[in-house]
Amino acid sequence: MALVKIASVSDPAPGRGKLVETEGKEIALFNVGGAFYAIGDTCTHAGGPLSEGSLQGYSVTCPWHGSLFDVRTGQNTGPPAASPVPSYKVVVQGTDVFV
């Protein structure tokens, strides 16, 4: 996938997530203290929207059943999900955020 602009550095705000859709993919973009991370938005347990989950440090909790994922890698770190979600490289250029 070529670099695609998905957001500006002001959205999402620090400690928050945002759903972005690009090239047929739903991606959860997170701002952790000004650093941006992008993972697949769909929880591997039951399809919950990770972009709507609560973010604590580098861990997002799925709002449906509480599965935990590391926003840096997409790795599942707590049940009930048993597999990771995709992780995307994020590039910030000026005030634009790309994946």
C-alpha atoms as a PDB file:
ATOM      1  CA  MET A   1       0.000   0.000   0.000  1.00  0.00           C
ATOM      2  CA  ALA A   2       1.451   3.403  -0.988  1.00  0.00           C
ATOM      3  CA  LEU A   3       1.473   6.147   1.643  1.00  0.00           C
ATOM      4  CA  VAL A   4      -2.011   7.590   2.077  1.00  0.00           C
ATOM      5  CA  LYS A   5      -2.930  10.620   4.190  1.00  0.00           C
ATOM      6  CA  ILE A   6      -5.405   9.537   6.855  1.00  0.00           C
ATOM      7  CA  ALA A   7      -5.445  12.351   9.424  1.00  0.00           C
ATOM      8  CA  SER A   8      -3.800  15.457  10.778  1.00  0.00           C
ATOM      9  CA  VAL A   9      -1.714  15.519  13.955  1.00  0.00           C
ATOM     10  CA  SER A  10      -4.551  17.315  15.790  1.00  0.00           C
ATOM     11  CA  ASP A  11      -7.048  14.468  15.253  1.00  0.00           C
ATOM     12  CA  PRO A  12      -7.183  12.178  17.127  1.00  0.00           C
ATOM     13  CA  ALA A  13      -6.248  14.004  20.316  1.00  0.00           C
ATOM     14  CA  PRO A  14      -3.662  12.440  22.669  1.00  0.00           C
ATOM     15  CA  GLY A  15      -5.054   9.367  24.432  1.00  0.00           C
ATOM     16  CA  ARG A  16      -7.753   8.835  21.811  1.00  0.00           C
ATOM     17  CA  GLY A  17      -8.452   6.677  18.794  1.00  0.00           C
ATOM     18  CA  LYS A  18     -10.151   7.315  15.470  1.00  0.00           C
ATOM     19  CA  LEU A  19     -11.546   5.123  12.702  1.00  0.00           C
ATOM     20  CA  VAL A  20     -10.106   5.827   9.268  1.00  0.00           C
ATOM     21  CA  GLU A  21     -10.978   4.033   6.064  1.00  0.00           C
ATOM     22  CA  THR A  22      -8.552   3.821   3.178  1.00  0.00           C
ATOM     23  CA  GLU A  23      -8.108   1.486   0.243  1.00  0.00           C
ATOM     24  CA  GLY A  24     -10.897  -0.768   1.505  1.00  0.00           C
ATOM     25  CA  LYS A  25      -9.376  -1.167   4.975  1.00  0.00           C
ATOM     26  CA  GLU A  26     -10.776  -0.015   8.322  1.00  0.00           C
ATOM     27  CA  ILE A  27      -7.871   1.220  10.429  1.00  0.00           C
ATOM     28  CA  ALA A  28      -7.828   2.352  14.057  1.00  0.00           C
ATOM     29  CA  LEU A  29      -5.455   5.299  14.449  1.00  0.00           C
ATOM     30  CA  PHE A  30      -4.258   6.099  17.984  1.00  0.00           C
ATOM     31  CA  ASN A  31      -2.409   9.080  19.423  1.00  0.00           C
ATOM     32  CA  VAL A  32      -0.246   8.079  22.399  1.00  0.00           C
ATOM     33  CA  GLY A  33       1.368  11.233  23.747  1.00  0.00           C
ATOM     34  CA  GLY A  34       1.872  12.687  20.269  1.00  0.00           C
ATOM     35  CA  ALA A  35       3.106   9.422  18.695  1.00  0.00           C
ATOM     36  CA  PHE A  36       0.737   7.795  16.213  1.00  0.00           C
ATOM     37  CA  TYR A  37       0.019   4.072  15.785  1.00  0.00           C
ATOM     38  CA  ALA A  38      -2.312   2.289  13.362  1.00  0.00           C
ATOM     39  CA  ILE A  39      -3.814  -1.195  13.665  1.00  0.00           C
ATOM     40  CA  GLY A  40      -6.740  -3.043  12.144  1.00  0.00           C
ATOM     41  CA  ASP A  41      -9.987  -1.718  13.608  1.00  0.00           C
ATOM     42  CA  THR A  42     -11.765  -5.080  13.871  1.00  0.00           C
ATOM     43  CA  CYS A  43     -11.213  -7.146  17.031  1.00  0.00           C
ATOM     44  CA  THR A  44     -10.300 -10.730  16.171  1.00  0.00           C
ATOM     45  CA  HIS A  45     -12.630 -12.106  18.855  1.00  0.00           C
ATOM     46  CA  ALA A  46     -16.059 -10.849  17.764  1.00  0.00           C
ATOM     47  CA  GLY A  47     -15.467  -7.920  15.414  1.00  0.00           C
ATOM     48  CA  GLY A  48     -15.665  -5.042  17.895  1.00  0.00           C
ATOM     49  CA  PRO A  49     -14.461  -1.590  16.769  1.00  0.00           C
ATOM     50  CA  LEU A  50     -11.054  -1.047  18.394  1.00  0.00           C
ATOM     51  CA  SER A  51     -11.074   2.653  17.451  1.00  0.00           C
ATOM     52  CA  GLU A  52     -13.907   3.060  19.989  1.00  0.00           C
ATOM     53  CA  GLY A  53     -12.012   1.251  22.761  1.00  0.00           C
ATOM     54  CA  SER A  54     -10.387   2.840  25.780  1.00  0.00           C
ATOM     55  CA  LEU A  55      -6.672   3.554  25.478  1.00  0.00           C
ATOM     56  CA  GLN A  56      -4.325   3.148  28.447  1.00  0.00           C
ATOM     57  CA  GLY A  57      -0.723   3.732  27.470  1.00  0.00           C
ATOM     58  CA  TYR A  58      -0.070   1.467  24.484  1.00  0.00           C
ATOM     59  CA  SER A  59      -3.006  -0.853  25.218  1.00  0.00           C
ATOM     60  CA  VAL A  60      -6.484  -0.548  23.725  1.00  0.00           C
ATOM     61  CA  THR A  61      -9.433  -2.450  25.191  1.00  0.00           C
ATOM     62  CA  CYS A  62     -12.097  -3.692  22.800  1.00  0.00           C
ATOM     63  CA  PRO A  63     -15.398  -2.065  23.816  1.00  0.00           C
ATOM     64  CA  TRP A  64     -17.423  -5.228  23.193  1.00  0.00           C
ATOM     65  CA  HIS A  65     -15.759  -7.970  25.270  1.00  0.00           C
ATOM     66  CA  GLY A  66     -12.576  -6.509  26.750  1.00  0.00           C
ATOM     67  CA  SER A  67      -9.871  -8.034  24.561  1.00  0.00           C
ATOM     68  CA  LEU A  68      -6.587  -6.136  24.815  1.00  0.00           C
ATOM     69  CA  PHE A  69      -4.289  -5.157  21.942  1.00  0.00           C
ATOM     70  CA  ASP A  70      -0.935  -3.379  21.789  1.00  0.00           C
ATOM     71  CA  VAL A  71      -1.398  -0.400  19.450  1.00  0.00           C
ATOM     72  CA  ARG A  72       2.299  -0.476  18.501  1.00  0.00           C
ATOM     73  CA  THR A  73       2.213  -4.015  17.085  1.00  0.00           C
ATOM     74  CA  GLY A  74      -1.407  -5.209  16.844  1.00  0.00           C
ATOM     75  CA  GLN A  75      -0.518  -8.119  19.143  1.00  0.00           C
ATOM     76  CA  ASN A  76      -3.356  -9.360  21.337  1.00  0.00           C
ATOM     77  CA  THR A  77      -2.292  -9.084  24.967  1.00  0.00           C
ATOM     78  CA  GLY A  78      -5.450 -10.192  26.762  1.00  0.00           C
ATOM     79  CA  PRO A  79      -8.368 -12.555  26.135  1.00  0.00           C
ATOM     80  CA  PRO A  80     -10.826 -13.366  24.788  1.00  0.00           C
ATOM     81  CA  ALA A  81      -9.104 -12.533  21.459  1.00  0.00           C
ATOM     82  CA  ALA A  82      -6.534 -15.180  20.577  1.00  0.00           C
ATOM     83  CA  SER A  83      -4.912 -13.608  17.517  1.00  0.00           C
ATOM     84  CA  PRO A  84      -3.439 -10.220  16.587  1.00  0.00           C
ATOM     85  CA  VAL A  85      -4.803  -7.546  14.275  1.00  0.00           C
ATOM     86  CA  PRO A  86      -2.781  -6.057  11.403  1.00  0.00           C
ATOM     87  CA  SER A  87      -0.353  -3.260  12.216  1.00  0.00           C
ATOM     88  CA  TYR A  88       0.449  -0.427   9.815  1.00  0.00           C
ATOM     89  CA  LYS A  89       3.507   1.793   9.584  1.00  0.00           C
ATOM     90  CA  VAL A  90       2.663   5.421  10.355  1.00  0.00           C
ATOM     91  CA  VAL A  91       4.575   8.361   8.879  1.00  0.00           C
ATOM     92  CA  VAL A  92       4.108  11.941  10.055  1.00  0.00           C
ATOM     93  CA  GLN A  93       5.091  14.686   7.632  1.00  0.00           C
ATOM     94  CA  GLY A  94       4.503  18.188   8.942  1.00  0.00           C
ATOM     95  CA  THR A  95       0.928  18.180  10.223  1.00  0.00           C
ATOM     96  CA  ASP A  96      -0.210  15.200   8.116  1.00  0.00           C
ATOM     97  CA  VAL A  97      -0.432  11.552   9.229  1.00  0.00           C
ATOM     98  CA  PHE A  98       0.045   8.810   6.615  1.00  0.00           C
ATOM     99  CA  VAL A  99      -0.113   4.999   6.552  1.00  0.00           C
END
